[in-house]
Amino acid sequence: MLFYEPANYEPTINVKTQKTEKNILISIKDNGNGIPKNIMDKIFQPFFTTKPTGQGTGLGLSLSYDIVKAHGGELKVETKEGEGTEFIIEIPIV
């Protein structure tokens, strides 16, 4: 997927951690293009990729999702096309 990037665009990633009474929260947020609505329900599926055939298998988010779930947690995503995406990992404290 190719998206238009303005000349003054500066990519950023913000990572934030927080401990609550019951959970550890990890937030990874970018200011990229966001995730299109038509693929949001597919991003955690094994082998899903937006890359051309032969240029990627798309296991990263699927494996991450499974690892977080195996620890009793949740992996959520919030996105706005043209504004960015935030992944939020919530893991219970045991």
PDB file of N, CA and C in Angstrom:
ATOM      1  N   MET A   1       0.833  -1.169   0.000  1.00  0.00           N
ATOM      2  CA  MET A   1       0.000   0.000   0.000  1.00  0.00           C
ATOM      3  C   MET A   1       0.882   1.239   0.000  1.00  0.00           C
ATOM      4  N   LEU A   2       0.615   2.121  -0.886  1.00  0.00           N
ATOM      5  CA  LEU A   2       1.340   3.379  -0.922  1.00  0.00           C
ATOM      6  C   LEU A   2       0.399   4.501  -0.526  1.00  0.00           C
ATOM      7  N   PHE A   3       0.863   5.348   0.349  1.00  0.00           N
ATOM      8  CA  PHE A   3       0.068   6.463   0.805  1.00  0.00           C
ATOM      9  C   PHE A   3       0.852   7.740   0.557  1.00  0.00           C
ATOM     10  N   TYR A   4       0.147   8.807   0.365  1.00  0.00           N
ATOM     11  CA  TYR A   4       0.767  10.111   0.206  1.00  0.00           C
ATOM     12  C   TYR A   4       1.259  10.602   1.561  1.00  0.00           C
ATOM     13  N   GLU A   5       2.480  11.071   1.618  1.00  0.00           N
ATOM     14  CA  GLU A   5       3.026  11.655   2.833  1.00  0.00           C
ATOM     15  C   GLU A   5       3.399  13.103   2.555  1.00  0.00           C
ATOM     16  N   PRO A   6       2.870  14.032   3.334  1.00  0.00           N
ATOM     17  CA  PRO A   6       3.228  15.438   3.138  1.00  0.00           C
ATOM     18  C   PRO A   6       4.724  15.656   3.338  1.00  0.00           C
ATOM     19  N   ALA A   7       5.256  16.681   2.704  1.00  0.00           N
ATOM     20  CA  ALA A   7       6.693  16.965   2.764  1.00  0.00           C
ATOM     21  C   ALA A   7       7.174  17.181   4.195  1.00  0.00           C
ATOM     22  N   ASN A   8       6.334  17.710   5.067  1.00  0.00           N
ATOM     23  CA  ASN A   8       6.761  17.994   6.432  1.00  0.00           C
ATOM     24  C   ASN A   8       6.444  16.856   7.408  1.00  0.00           C
ATOM     25  N   TYR A   9       6.034  15.697   6.916  1.00  0.00           N
ATOM     26  CA  TYR A   9       5.686  14.558   7.765  1.00  0.00           C
ATOM     27  C   TYR A   9       6.923  14.041   8.484  1.00  0.00           C
ATOM     28  N   GLU A  10       6.817  13.871   9.786  1.00  0.00           N
ATOM     29  CA  GLU A  10       7.889  13.289  10.575  1.00  0.00           C
ATOM     30  C   GLU A  10       7.317  12.109  11.357  1.00  0.00           C
ATOM     31  N   PRO A  11       7.692  10.875  10.988  1.00  0.00           N
ATOM     32  CA  PRO A  11       7.125   9.708  11.661  1.00  0.00           C
ATOM     33  C   PRO A  11       7.537   9.662  13.132  1.00  0.00           C
ATOM     34  N   THR A  12       6.576   9.317  13.987  1.00  0.00           N
ATOM     35  CA  THR A  12       6.864   9.180  15.418  1.00  0.00           C
ATOM     36  C   THR A  12       6.184   7.933  15.964  1.00  0.00           C
ATOM     37  N   ILE A  13       6.805   7.377  16.984  1.00  0.00           N
ATOM     38  CA  ILE A  13       6.233   6.262  17.735  1.00  0.00           C
ATOM     39  C   ILE A  13       6.347   6.634  19.205  1.00  0.00           C
ATOM     40  N   ASN A  14       5.240   6.519  19.914  1.00  0.00           N
ATOM     41  CA  ASN A  14       5.227   6.775  21.353  1.00  0.00           C
ATOM     42  C   ASN A  14       4.920   5.476  22.076  1.00  0.00           C
ATOM     43  N   VAL A  15       5.731   5.163  23.084  1.00  0.00           N
ATOM     44  CA  VAL A  15       5.515   3.976  23.899  1.00  0.00           C
ATOM     45  C   VAL A  15       5.253   4.440  25.322  1.00  0.00           C
ATOM     46  N   LYS A  16       4.179   3.918  25.905  1.00  0.00           N
ATOM     47  CA  LYS A  16       3.803   4.316  27.256  1.00  0.00           C
ATOM     48  C   LYS A  16       3.474   3.069  28.055  1.00  0.00           C
ATOM     49  N   THR A  17       3.917   3.022  29.305  1.00  0.00           N
ATOM     50  CA  THR A  17       3.571   1.926  30.194  1.00  0.00           C
ATOM     51  C   THR A  17       2.844   2.488  31.411  1.00  0.00           C
ATOM     52  N   GLN A  18       1.992   1.667  31.967  1.00  0.00           N
ATOM     53  CA  GLN A  18       1.228   2.090  33.139  1.00  0.00           C
ATOM     54  C   GLN A  18       0.885   0.856  33.963  1.00  0.00           C
ATOM     55  N   LYS A  19       1.004   0.997  35.273  1.00  0.00           N
ATOM     56  CA  LYS A  19       0.602  -0.083  36.172  1.00  0.00           C
ATOM     57  C   LYS A  19      -0.655   0.363  36.905  1.00  0.00           C
ATOM     58  N   THR A  20      -1.700  -0.469  36.812  1.00  0.00           N
ATOM     59  CA  THR A  20      -2.920  -0.213  37.570  1.00  0.00           C
ATOM     60  C   THR A  20      -2.960  -1.224  38.709  1.00  0.00           C
ATOM     61  N   GLU A  21      -4.016  -1.215  39.451  1.00  0.00           N
ATOM     62  CA  GLU A  21      -4.124  -2.143  40.574  1.00  0.00           C
ATOM     63  C   GLU A  21      -4.113  -3.604  40.112  1.00  0.00           C
ATOM     64  N   LYS A  22      -4.687  -3.856  38.937  1.00  0.00           N
ATOM     65  CA  LYS A  22      -4.827  -5.236  38.465  1.00  0.00           C
ATOM     66  C   LYS A  22      -4.057  -5.559  37.190  1.00  0.00           C
ATOM     67  N   ASN A  23      -3.580  -4.537  36.454  1.00  0.00           N
ATOM     68  CA  ASN A  23      -2.992  -4.790  35.137  1.00  0.00           C
ATOM     69  C   ASN A  23      -1.738  -3.965  34.875  1.00  0.00           C
ATOM     70  N   ILE A  24      -1.004  -4.440  33.906  1.00  0.00           N
ATOM     71  CA  ILE A  24       0.073  -3.670  33.283  1.00  0.00           C
ATOM     72  C   ILE A  24      -0.434  -3.289  31.894  1.00  0.00           C
ATOM     73  N   LEU A  25      -0.361  -2.016  31.551  1.00  0.00           N
ATOM     74  CA  LEU A  25      -0.784  -1.534  30.242  1.00  0.00           C
ATOM     75  C   LEU A  25       0.433  -1.065  29.464  1.00  0.00           C
ATOM     76  N   ILE A  26       0.513  -1.469  28.229  1.00  0.00           N
ATOM     77  CA  ILE A  26       1.575  -1.029  27.332  1.00  0.00           C
ATOM     78  C   ILE A  26       0.904  -0.476  26.086  1.00  0.00           C
ATOM     79  N   SER A  27       1.217   0.760  25.749  1.00  0.00           N
ATOM     80  CA  SER A  27       0.624   1.416  24.586  1.00  0.00           C
ATOM     81  C   SER A  27       1.726   1.753  23.591  1.00  0.00           C
ATOM     82  N   ILE A  28       1.525   1.393  22.341  1.00  0.00           N
ATOM     83  CA  ILE A  28       2.436   1.732  21.247  1.00  0.00           C
ATOM     84  C   ILE A  28       1.612   2.484  20.220  1.00  0.00           C
ATOM     85  N   LYS A  29       1.936   3.754  20.016  1.00  0.00           N
ATOM     86  CA  LYS A  29       1.127   4.620  19.161  1.00  0.00           C
ATOM     87  C   LYS A  29       2.012   5.279  18.106  1.00  0.00           C
ATOM     88  N   ASP A  30       1.512   5.315  16.864  1.00  0.00           N
ATOM     89  CA  ASP A  30       2.238   5.998  15.792  1.00  0.00           C
ATOM     90  C   ASP A  30       1.377   7.080  15.166  1.00  0.00           C
ATOM     91  N   ASN A  31       1.986   7.872  14.332  1.00  0.00           N
ATOM     92  CA  ASN A  31       1.257   8.930  13.619  1.00  0.00           C
ATOM     93  C   ASN A  31       1.225   8.642  12.120  1.00  0.00           C
ATOM     94  N   GLY A  32       1.152   7.355  11.781  1.00  0.00           N
ATOM     95  CA  GLY A  32       1.157   6.944  10.375  1.00  0.00           C
ATOM     96  C   GLY A  32      -0.200   7.086   9.718  1.00  0.00           C
ATOM     97  N   ASN A  33      -0.416   6.287   8.695  1.00  0.00           N
ATOM     98  CA  ASN A  33      -1.622   6.370   7.873  1.00  0.00           C
ATOM     99  C   ASN A  33      -2.846   5.735   8.516  1.00  0.00           C
ATOM    100  N   GLY A  34      -2.667   4.992   9.584  1.00  0.00           N
ATOM    101  CA  GLY A  34      -3.791   4.272  10.174  1.00  0.00           C
ATOM    102  C   GLY A  34      -4.060   2.995   9.406  1.00  0.00           C
ATOM    103  N   ILE A  35      -4.954   2.196   9.928  1.00  0.00           N
ATOM    104  CA  ILE A  35      -5.306   0.924   9.300  1.00  0.00           C
ATOM    105  C   ILE A  35      -6.668   1.078   8.630  1.00  0.00           C
ATOM    106  N   PRO A  36      -6.752   0.795   7.336  1.00  0.00           N
ATOM    107  CA  PRO A  36      -8.038   0.911   6.635  1.00  0.00           C
ATOM    108  C   PRO A  36      -9.106   0.012   7.258  1.00  0.00           C
ATOM    109  N   LYS A  37     -10.335   0.498   7.283  1.00  0.00           N
ATOM    110  CA  LYS A  37     -11.452  -0.242   7.880  1.00  0.00           C
ATOM    111  C   LYS A  37     -11.656  -1.607   7.238  1.00  0.00           C
ATOM    112  N   ASN A  38     -11.404  -1.697   5.940  1.00  0.00           N
ATOM    113  CA  ASN A  38     -11.675  -2.958   5.226  1.00  0.00           C
ATOM    114  C   ASN A  38     -10.727  -4.089   5.594  1.00  0.00           C
ATOM    115  N   ILE A  39      -9.651  -3.814   6.334  1.00  0.00           N
ATOM    116  CA  ILE A  39      -8.753  -4.894   6.758  1.00  0.00           C
ATOM    117  C   ILE A  39      -8.668  -5.042   8.281  1.00  0.00           C
ATOM    118  N   MET A  40      -9.339  -4.178   9.035  1.00  0.00           N
ATOM    119  CA  MET A  40      -9.246  -4.220  10.501  1.00  0.00           C
ATOM    120  C   MET A  40      -9.606  -5.585  11.080  1.00  0.00           C
ATOM    121  N   ASP A  41     -10.597  -6.246  10.533  1.00  0.00           N
ATOM    122  CA  ASP A  41     -11.005  -7.538  11.091  1.00  0.00           C
ATOM    123  C   ASP A  41     -10.063  -8.677  10.702  1.00  0.00           C
ATOM    124  N   LYS A  42      -9.048  -8.390   9.902  1.00  0.00           N
ATOM    125  CA  LYS A  42      -8.129  -9.424   9.431  1.00  0.00           C
ATOM    126  C   LYS A  42      -6.731  -9.327  10.036  1.00  0.00           C
ATOM    127  N   ILE A  43      -6.398  -8.217  10.692  1.00  0.00           N
ATOM    128  CA  ILE A  43      -4.995  -7.964  11.049  1.00  0.00           C
ATOM    129  C   ILE A  43      -4.403  -8.967  12.029  1.00  0.00           C
ATOM    130  N   PHE A  44      -5.219  -9.647  12.831  1.00  0.00           N
ATOM    131  CA  PHE A  44      -4.696 -10.632  13.770  1.00  0.00           C
ATOM    132  C   PHE A  44      -4.766 -12.064  13.227  1.00  0.00           C
ATOM    133  N   GLN A  45      -5.199 -12.232  11.981  1.00  0.00           N
ATOM    134  CA  GLN A  45      -5.272 -13.554  11.373  1.00  0.00           C
ATOM    135  C   GLN A  45      -3.877 -13.996  10.914  1.00  0.00           C
ATOM    136  N   PRO A  46      -3.543 -15.287  11.156  1.00  0.00           N
ATOM    137  CA  PRO A  46      -2.249 -15.787  10.679  1.00  0.00           C
ATOM    138  C   PRO A  46      -2.130 -15.647   9.162  1.00  0.00           C
ATOM    139  N   PHE A  47      -0.973 -15.255   8.715  1.00  0.00           N
ATOM    140  CA  PHE A  47      -0.600 -15.133   7.299  1.00  0.00           C
ATOM    141  C   PHE A  47      -1.256 -13.972   6.568  1.00  0.00           C
ATOM    142  N   PHE A  48      -2.036 -13.140   7.267  1.00  0.00           N
ATOM    143  CA  PHE A  48      -2.596 -11.972   6.598  1.00  0.00           C
ATOM    144  C   PHE A  48      -1.490 -10.948   6.367  1.00  0.00           C
ATOM    145  N   THR A  49      -1.425 -10.410   5.163  1.00  0.00           N
ATOM    146  CA  THR A  49      -0.447  -9.382   4.839  1.00  0.00           C
ATOM    147  C   THR A  49      -1.010  -8.471   3.760  1.00  0.00           C
ATOM    148  N   THR A  50      -0.526  -7.253   3.744  1.00  0.00           N
ATOM    149  CA  THR A  50      -0.885  -6.318   2.672  1.00  0.00           C
ATOM    150  C   THR A  50       0.233  -6.240   1.643  1.00  0.00           C
ATOM    151  N   LYS A  51       1.287  -7.017   1.868  1.00  0.00           N
ATOM    152  CA  LYS A  51       2.424  -7.014   0.951  1.00  0.00           C
ATOM    153  C   LYS A  51       2.131  -7.888  -0.266  1.00  0.00           C
ATOM    154  N   PRO A  52       2.813  -7.613  -1.376  1.00  0.00           N
ATOM    155  CA  PRO A  52       2.646  -8.465  -2.561  1.00  0.00           C
ATOM    156  C   PRO A  52       3.077  -9.906  -2.279  1.00  0.00           C
ATOM    157  N   THR A  53       2.534 -10.852  -3.032  1.00  0.00           N
ATOM    158  CA  THR A  53       2.867 -12.265  -2.883  1.00  0.00           C
ATOM    159  C   THR A  53       4.378 -12.467  -2.900  1.00  0.00           C
ATOM    160  N   GLY A  54       4.852 -13.249  -1.924  1.00  0.00           N
ATOM    161  CA  GLY A  54       6.273 -13.561  -1.841  1.00  0.00           C
ATOM    162  C   GLY A  54       7.100 -12.539  -1.070  1.00  0.00           C
ATOM    163  N   GLN A  55       6.480 -11.480  -0.559  1.00  0.00           N
ATOM    164  CA  GLN A  55       7.254 -10.441   0.137  1.00  0.00           C
ATOM    165  C   GLN A  55       6.900 -10.322   1.617  1.00  0.00           C
ATOM    166  N   GLY A  56       6.243 -11.318   2.169  1.00  0.00           N
ATOM    167  CA  GLY A  56       5.921 -11.289   3.588  1.00  0.00           C
ATOM    168  C   GLY A  56       4.805 -12.250   3.916  1.00  0.00           C
ATOM    169  N   THR A  57       4.866 -12.813   5.133  1.00  0.00           N
ATOM    170  CA  THR A  57       3.865 -13.807   5.511  1.00  0.00           C
ATOM    171  C   THR A  57       2.842 -13.293   6.510  1.00  0.00           C
ATOM    172  N   GLY A  58       3.112 -12.238   7.229  1.00  0.00           N
ATOM    173  CA  GLY A  58       2.135 -11.670   8.131  1.00  0.00           C
ATOM    174  C   GLY A  58       1.870 -12.476   9.385  1.00  0.00           C
ATOM    175  N   LEU A  59       2.909 -12.927  10.074  1.00  0.00           N
ATOM    176  CA  LEU A  59       2.719 -13.679  11.311  1.00  0.00           C
ATOM    177  C   LEU A  59       2.875 -12.822  12.564  1.00  0.00           C
ATOM    178  N   GLY A  60       3.460 -11.659  12.460  1.00  0.00           N
ATOM    179  CA  GLY A  60       3.798 -10.844  13.621  1.00  0.00           C
ATOM    180  C   GLY A  60       2.641 -10.526  14.538  1.00  0.00           C
ATOM    181  N   LEU A  61       1.574  -9.945  14.019  1.00  0.00           N
ATOM    182  CA  LEU A  61       0.443  -9.583  14.874  1.00  0.00           C
ATOM    183  C   LEU A  61      -0.301 -10.808  15.376  1.00  0.00           C
ATOM    184  N   SER A  62      -0.379 -11.850  14.570  1.00  0.00           N
ATOM    185  CA  SER A  62      -1.047 -13.077  14.982  1.00  0.00           C
ATOM    186  C   SER A  62      -0.312 -13.715  16.161  1.00  0.00           C
ATOM    187  N   LEU A  63       1.000 -13.806  16.074  1.00  0.00           N
ATOM    188  CA  LEU A  63       1.795 -14.382  17.168  1.00  0.00           C
ATOM    189  C   LEU A  63       1.729 -13.503  18.411  1.00  0.00           C
ATOM    190  N   SER A  64       1.807 -12.199  18.222  1.00  0.00           N
ATOM    191  CA  SER A  64       1.724 -11.272  19.359  1.00  0.00           C
ATOM    192  C   SER A  64       0.393 -11.427  20.079  1.00  0.00           C
ATOM    193  N   TYR A  65      -0.678 -11.506  19.311  1.00  0.00           N
ATOM    194  CA  TYR A  65      -2.015 -11.677  19.865  1.00  0.00           C
ATOM    195  C   TYR A  65      -2.091 -12.969  20.691  1.00  0.00           C
ATOM    196  N   ASP A  66      -1.565 -14.060  20.134  1.00  0.00           N
ATOM    197  CA  ASP A  66      -1.598 -15.351  20.829  1.00  0.00           C
ATOM    198  C   ASP A  66      -0.765 -15.324  22.112  1.00  0.00           C
ATOM    199  N   ILE A  67       0.375 -14.677  22.098  1.00  0.00           N
ATOM    200  CA  ILE A  67       1.233 -14.595  23.285  1.00  0.00           C
ATOM    201  C   ILE A  67       0.543 -13.800  24.393  1.00  0.00           C
ATOM    202  N   VAL A  68      -0.038 -12.663  24.039  1.00  0.00           N
ATOM    203  CA  VAL A  68      -0.745 -11.846  25.030  1.00  0.00           C
ATOM    204  C   VAL A  68      -1.917 -12.631  25.611  1.00  0.00           C
ATOM    205  N   LYS A  69      -2.697 -13.305  24.769  1.00  0.00           N
ATOM    206  CA  LYS A  69      -3.830 -14.113  25.231  1.00  0.00           C
ATOM    207  C   LYS A  69      -3.370 -15.244  26.153  1.00  0.00           C
ATOM    208  N   ALA A  70      -2.231 -15.879  25.824  1.00  0.00           N
ATOM    209  CA  ALA A  70      -1.708 -16.978  26.638  1.00  0.00           C
ATOM    210  C   ALA A  70      -1.343 -16.512  28.047  1.00  0.00           C
ATOM    211  N   HIS A  71      -1.080 -15.228  28.205  1.00  0.00           N
ATOM    212  CA  HIS A  71      -0.773 -14.664  29.521  1.00  0.00           C
ATOM    213  C   HIS A  71      -2.010 -14.051  30.180  1.00  0.00           C
ATOM    214  N   GLY A  72      -3.184 -14.335  29.639  1.00  0.00           N
ATOM    215  CA  GLY A  72      -4.421 -13.857  30.212  1.00  0.00           C
ATOM    216  C   GLY A  72      -4.740 -12.407  29.894  1.00  0.00           C
ATOM    217  N   GLY A  73      -4.067 -11.868  28.892  1.00  0.00           N
ATOM    218  CA  GLY A  73      -4.244 -10.460  28.558  1.00  0.00           C
ATOM    219  C   GLY A  73      -5.077 -10.212  27.328  1.00  0.00           C
ATOM    220  N   GLU A  74      -5.097  -8.942  26.943  1.00  0.00           N
ATOM    221  CA  GLU A  74      -5.819  -8.510  25.751  1.00  0.00           C
ATOM    222  C   GLU A  74      -4.901  -7.639  24.900  1.00  0.00           C
ATOM    223  N   LEU A  75      -5.060  -7.737  23.594  1.00  0.00           N
ATOM    224  CA  LEU A  75      -4.375  -6.867  22.646  1.00  0.00           C
ATOM    225  C   LEU A  75      -5.447  -6.142  21.847  1.00  0.00           C
ATOM    226  N   LYS A  76      -5.506  -4.839  22.039  1.00  0.00           N
ATOM    227  CA  LYS A  76      -6.527  -4.025  21.375  1.00  0.00           C
ATOM    228  C   LYS A  76      -5.861  -3.078  20.387  1.00  0.00           C
ATOM    229  N   VAL A  77      -6.651  -2.621  19.434  1.00  0.00           N
ATOM    230  CA  VAL A  77      -6.142  -1.663  18.463  1.00  0.00           C
ATOM    231  C   VAL A  77      -7.169  -0.554  18.265  1.00  0.00           C
ATOM    232  N   GLU A  78      -6.660   0.669  18.230  1.00  0.00           N
ATOM    233  CA  GLU A  78      -7.478   1.835  17.913  1.00  0.00           C
ATOM    234  C   GLU A  78      -6.777   2.547  16.767  1.00  0.00           C
ATOM    235  N   THR A  79      -7.523   2.894  15.742  1.00  0.00           N
ATOM    236  CA  THR A  79      -6.908   3.509  14.574  1.00  0.00           C
ATOM    237  C   THR A  79      -7.837   4.525  13.932  1.00  0.00           C
ATOM    238  N   LYS A  80      -7.238   5.516  13.313  1.00  0.00           N
ATOM    239  CA  LYS A  80      -7.964   6.492  12.505  1.00  0.00           C
ATOM    240  C   LYS A  80      -7.173   6.662  11.217  1.00  0.00           C
ATOM    241  N   GLU A  81      -7.846   6.391  10.111  1.00  0.00           N
ATOM    242  CA  GLU A  81      -7.162   6.536   8.823  1.00  0.00           C
ATOM    243  C   GLU A  81      -6.667   7.970   8.668  1.00  0.00           C
ATOM    244  N   GLY A  82      -5.419   8.092   8.256  1.00  0.00           N
ATOM    245  CA  GLY A  82      -4.808   9.397   8.061  1.00  0.00           C
ATOM    246  C   GLY A  82      -4.247  10.023   9.319  1.00  0.00           C
ATOM    247  N   GLU A  83      -4.449   9.382  10.486  1.00  0.00           N
ATOM    248  CA  GLU A  83      -3.976   9.965  11.745  1.00  0.00           C
ATOM    249  C   GLU A  83      -3.043   9.059  12.534  1.00  0.00           C
ATOM    250  N   GLY A  84      -3.203   7.745  12.442  1.00  0.00           N
ATOM    251  CA  GLY A  84      -2.316   6.857  13.176  1.00  0.00           C
ATOM    252  C   GLY A  84      -3.038   5.693  13.820  1.00  0.00           C
ATOM    253  N   THR A  85      -2.245   4.868  14.513  1.00  0.00           N
ATOM    254  CA  THR A  85      -2.737   3.650  15.131  1.00  0.00           C
ATOM    255  C   THR A  85      -2.133   3.497  16.510  1.00  0.00           C
ATOM    256  N   GLU A  86      -2.918   2.935  17.426  1.00  0.00           N
ATOM    257  CA  GLU A  86      -2.427   2.645  18.771  1.00  0.00           C
ATOM    258  C   GLU A  86      -2.769   1.199  19.106  1.00  0.00           C
ATOM    259  N   PHE A  87      -1.753   0.438  19.499  1.00  0.00           N
ATOM    260  CA  PHE A  87      -1.940  -0.913  20.007  1.00  0.00           C
ATOM    261  C   PHE A  87      -1.814  -0.840  21.515  1.00  0.00           C
ATOM    262  N   ILE A  88      -2.759  -1.463  22.207  1.00  0.00           N
ATOM    263  CA  ILE A  88      -2.765  -1.442  23.663  1.00  0.00           C
ATOM    264  C   ILE A  88      -2.724  -2.892  24.166  1.00  0.00           C
ATOM    265  N   ILE A  89      -1.695  -3.193  24.919  1.00  0.00           N
ATOM    266  CA  ILE A  89      -1.529  -4.514  25.510  1.00  0.00           C
ATOM    267  C   ILE A  89      -1.878  -4.396  26.992  1.00  0.00           C
ATOM    268  N   GLU A  90      -2.788  -5.242  27.431  1.00  0.00           N
ATOM    269  CA  GLU A  90      -3.209  -5.240  28.828  1.00  0.00           C
ATOM    270  C   GLU A  90      -2.978  -6.637  29.394  1.00  0.00           C
ATOM    271  N   ILE A  91      -2.090  -6.718  30.389  1.00  0.00           N
ATOM    272  CA  ILE A  91      -1.735  -8.014  30.974  1.00  0.00           C
ATOM    273  C   ILE A  91      -2.021  -7.970  32.469  1.00  0.00           C
ATOM    274  N   PRO A  92      -2.744  -8.975  32.989  1.00  0.00           N
ATOM    275  CA  PRO A  92      -3.051  -8.967  34.424  1.00  0.00           C
ATOM    276  C   PRO A  92      -1.811  -9.217  35.275  1.00  0.00           C
ATOM    277  N   ILE A  93      -1.813  -8.596  36.442  1.00  0.00           N
ATOM    278  CA  ILE A  93      -0.755  -8.827  37.414  1.00  0.00           C
ATOM    279  C   ILE A  93      -1.153 -10.058  38.223  1.00  0.00           C
ATOM    280  N   VAL A  94      -0.253 -11.020  38.303  1.00  0.00           N
ATOM    281  CA  VAL A  94      -0.568 -12.239  39.077  1.00  0.00           C
ATOM    282  C   VAL A  94       0.205 -12.296  40.362  1.00  0.00           C
TER     283      VAL A  94
END
